[in-house]
Amino acid sequence: MNDLSFRLIPAETPYRVLKLRHNYFDHRDALKDLNCVFPLERLQDLERSGTIGRLAPQAITFGMGRLYKRSELQRETVPKILEILKGEGADAAFLVAA
């Protein structure tokens, strides 16, 4: 609980090696198709079709657990993530709540 950490996942990581580790939501749909909580494959499809521009080289996923320390998240974690995204030249971010 209150895990303010995040993980960087290379965009070319095969889905077969990714694991769902979060315990605070119903996993049934995510276990059928991980794209409903981590839509990297769908974004790659959009990139290939030219619908969107280039994806950032890394995807970002938050640590596990419910977050009650929102002010710490805003003060500590979000600035670090923004620094990474800016460093990768990202123009936008796609957020998925699970």
C-alpha atoms as a PDB file:
ATOM      1  CA  MET A   1       0.000   0.000   0.000  1.00  0.00           C
ATOM      2  CA  ASN A   2       1.196   3.529  -0.797  1.00  0.00           C
ATOM      3  CA  ASP A   3       3.916   2.313  -3.139  1.00  0.00           C
ATOM      4  CA  LEU A   4       5.015   5.490  -4.907  1.00  0.00           C
ATOM      5  CA  SER A   5       7.516   3.687  -7.126  1.00  0.00           C
ATOM      6  CA  PHE A   6       7.243   3.134 -10.851  1.00  0.00           C
ATOM      7  CA  ARG A   7       8.775   0.810 -13.421  1.00  0.00           C
ATOM      8  CA  LEU A   8      10.181   1.510 -16.876  1.00  0.00           C
ATOM      9  CA  ILE A   9       9.303  -1.144 -19.427  1.00  0.00           C
ATOM     10  CA  PRO A  10      11.027  -1.046 -22.820  1.00  0.00           C
ATOM     11  CA  ALA A  11       8.377  -0.586 -25.519  1.00  0.00           C
ATOM     12  CA  GLU A  12       9.653  -3.624 -27.428  1.00  0.00           C
ATOM     13  CA  THR A  13       9.137  -5.978 -24.461  1.00  0.00           C
ATOM     14  CA  PRO A  14       7.117  -9.004 -25.638  1.00  0.00           C
ATOM     15  CA  TYR A  15       3.762  -9.298 -23.886  1.00  0.00           C
ATOM     16  CA  ARG A  16       4.408 -12.959 -23.095  1.00  0.00           C
ATOM     17  CA  VAL A  17       7.067 -11.968 -20.535  1.00  0.00           C
ATOM     18  CA  LEU A  18       4.925  -9.390 -18.716  1.00  0.00           C
ATOM     19  CA  LYS A  19       3.179 -10.377 -15.505  1.00  0.00           C
ATOM     20  CA  LEU A  20       0.194  -8.861 -13.755  1.00  0.00           C
ATOM     21  CA  ARG A  21       1.129  -8.329 -10.110  1.00  0.00           C
ATOM     22  CA  HIS A  22      -1.409  -5.815  -8.766  1.00  0.00           C
ATOM     23  CA  ASN A  23      -3.766  -7.284  -6.149  1.00  0.00           C
ATOM     24  CA  TYR A  24      -6.380  -4.537  -5.763  1.00  0.00           C
ATOM     25  CA  PHE A  25      -8.672  -5.115  -8.747  1.00  0.00           C
ATOM     26  CA  ASP A  26     -10.494  -7.907 -10.523  1.00  0.00           C
ATOM     27  CA  HIS A  27      -7.949  -9.489 -12.922  1.00  0.00           C
ATOM     28  CA  ARG A  28     -10.331 -11.519 -15.069  1.00  0.00           C
ATOM     29  CA  ASP A  29     -10.415  -9.165 -18.063  1.00  0.00           C
ATOM     30  CA  ALA A  30      -6.728  -8.279 -17.792  1.00  0.00           C
ATOM     31  CA  LEU A  31      -5.801 -11.952 -17.781  1.00  0.00           C
ATOM     32  CA  LYS A  32      -7.771 -12.400 -21.012  1.00  0.00           C
ATOM     33  CA  ASP A  33      -6.113  -9.375 -22.638  1.00  0.00           C
ATOM     34  CA  LEU A  34      -3.424  -7.388 -20.851  1.00  0.00           C
ATOM     35  CA  ASN A  35      -4.098  -4.505 -23.266  1.00  0.00           C
ATOM     36  CA  CYS A  36      -7.122  -3.472 -21.193  1.00  0.00           C
ATOM     37  CA  VAL A  37      -4.756  -2.325 -18.413  1.00  0.00           C
ATOM     38  CA  PHE A  38      -1.461  -1.951 -20.303  1.00  0.00           C
ATOM     39  CA  PRO A  39      -2.379  -1.150 -23.947  1.00  0.00           C
ATOM     40  CA  LEU A  40       1.112  -1.172 -25.391  1.00  0.00           C
ATOM     41  CA  GLU A  41       0.222  -3.567 -28.229  1.00  0.00           C
ATOM     42  CA  ARG A  42      -2.741  -1.396 -29.280  1.00  0.00           C
ATOM     43  CA  LEU A  43      -0.558   1.717 -29.231  1.00  0.00           C
ATOM     44  CA  GLN A  44       2.047  -0.106 -31.327  1.00  0.00           C
ATOM     45  CA  ASP A  45      -0.726  -0.953 -33.822  1.00  0.00           C
ATOM     46  CA  LEU A  46      -1.693   2.740 -33.997  1.00  0.00           C
ATOM     47  CA  GLU A  47       1.952   3.714 -34.477  1.00  0.00           C
ATOM     48  CA  ARG A  48       2.420   1.194 -37.317  1.00  0.00           C
ATOM     49  CA  SER A  49      -0.731   2.405 -39.085  1.00  0.00           C
ATOM     50  CA  GLY A  50       0.423   6.029 -38.867  1.00  0.00           C
ATOM     51  CA  THR A  51      -2.547   7.036 -36.721  1.00  0.00           C
ATOM     52  CA  ILE A  52      -0.185   8.297 -34.028  1.00  0.00           C
ATOM     53  CA  GLY A  53       3.439   9.346 -34.143  1.00  0.00           C
ATOM     54  CA  ARG A  54       6.385   7.571 -32.581  1.00  0.00           C
ATOM     55  CA  LEU A  55       5.923   5.909 -29.207  1.00  0.00           C
ATOM     56  CA  ALA A  56       8.364   6.674 -26.440  1.00  0.00           C
ATOM     57  CA  PRO A  57      11.047   3.998 -26.085  1.00  0.00           C
ATOM     58  CA  GLN A  58       9.760   3.080 -22.622  1.00  0.00           C
ATOM     59  CA  ALA A  59       6.354   2.650 -21.016  1.00  0.00           C
ATOM     60  CA  ILE A  60       5.883   3.562 -17.379  1.00  0.00           C
ATOM     61  CA  THR A  61       3.858   1.589 -14.875  1.00  0.00           C
ATOM     62  CA  PHE A  62       3.261   2.485 -11.257  1.00  0.00           C
ATOM     63  CA  GLY A  63       4.154   0.307  -8.289  1.00  0.00           C
ATOM     64  CA  MET A  64       1.634  -1.929  -6.657  1.00  0.00           C
ATOM     65  CA  GLY A  65      -0.841  -0.938  -4.010  1.00  0.00           C
ATOM     66  CA  ARG A  66      -3.416   1.684  -3.384  1.00  0.00           C
ATOM     67  CA  LEU A  67      -2.137   5.238  -3.252  1.00  0.00           C
ATOM     68  CA  TYR A  68      -3.371   7.373  -0.399  1.00  0.00           C
ATOM     69  CA  LYS A  69      -0.360   9.707  -0.304  1.00  0.00           C
ATOM     70  CA  ARG A  70      -1.510  11.805  -3.249  1.00  0.00           C
ATOM     71  CA  SER A  71       0.483  14.886  -2.248  1.00  0.00           C
ATOM     72  CA  GLU A  72       3.689  12.807  -2.122  1.00  0.00           C
ATOM     73  CA  LEU A  73       2.804  11.279  -5.483  1.00  0.00           C
ATOM     74  CA  GLN A  74       2.451  14.775  -6.962  1.00  0.00           C
ATOM     75  CA  ARG A  75       5.548  16.160  -5.236  1.00  0.00           C
ATOM     76  CA  GLU A  76       7.941  13.221  -5.661  1.00  0.00           C
ATOM     77  CA  THR A  77       6.887  10.631  -8.217  1.00  0.00           C
ATOM     78  CA  VAL A  78       5.197  12.719 -10.909  1.00  0.00           C
ATOM     79  CA  PRO A  79       8.151  15.125 -11.399  1.00  0.00           C
ATOM     80  CA  LYS A  80      10.488  12.144 -11.898  1.00  0.00           C
ATOM     81  CA  ILE A  81       8.137  10.662 -14.493  1.00  0.00           C
ATOM     82  CA  LEU A  82       7.777  14.001 -16.271  1.00  0.00           C
ATOM     83  CA  GLU A  83      11.557  14.300 -16.440  1.00  0.00           C
ATOM     84  CA  ILE A  84      11.773  10.874 -18.108  1.00  0.00           C
ATOM     85  CA  LEU A  85       8.980  11.668 -20.578  1.00  0.00           C
ATOM     86  CA  LYS A  86      10.493  15.013 -21.518  1.00  0.00           C
ATOM     87  CA  GLY A  87      13.898  13.362 -21.926  1.00  0.00           C
ATOM     88  CA  GLU A  88      12.336  10.923 -24.380  1.00  0.00           C
ATOM     89  CA  GLY A  89      10.695  13.745 -26.312  1.00  0.00           C
ATOM     90  CA  ALA A  90       7.134  12.730 -25.459  1.00  0.00           C
ATOM     91  CA  ASP A  91       4.396  15.131 -26.561  1.00  0.00           C
ATOM     92  CA  ALA A  92       1.595  13.348 -24.723  1.00  0.00           C
ATOM     93  CA  ALA A  93       0.922  10.618 -22.193  1.00  0.00           C
ATOM     94  CA  PHE A  94      -1.837   8.018 -22.220  1.00  0.00           C
ATOM     95  CA  LEU A  95      -2.986   7.180 -18.701  1.00  0.00           C
ATOM     96  CA  VAL A  96      -4.841   3.959 -17.918  1.00  0.00           C
ATOM     97  CA  ALA A  97      -6.537   3.428 -14.587  1.00  0.00           C
ATOM     98  CA  ALA A  98      -6.827  -0.167 -13.480  1.00  0.00           C
END
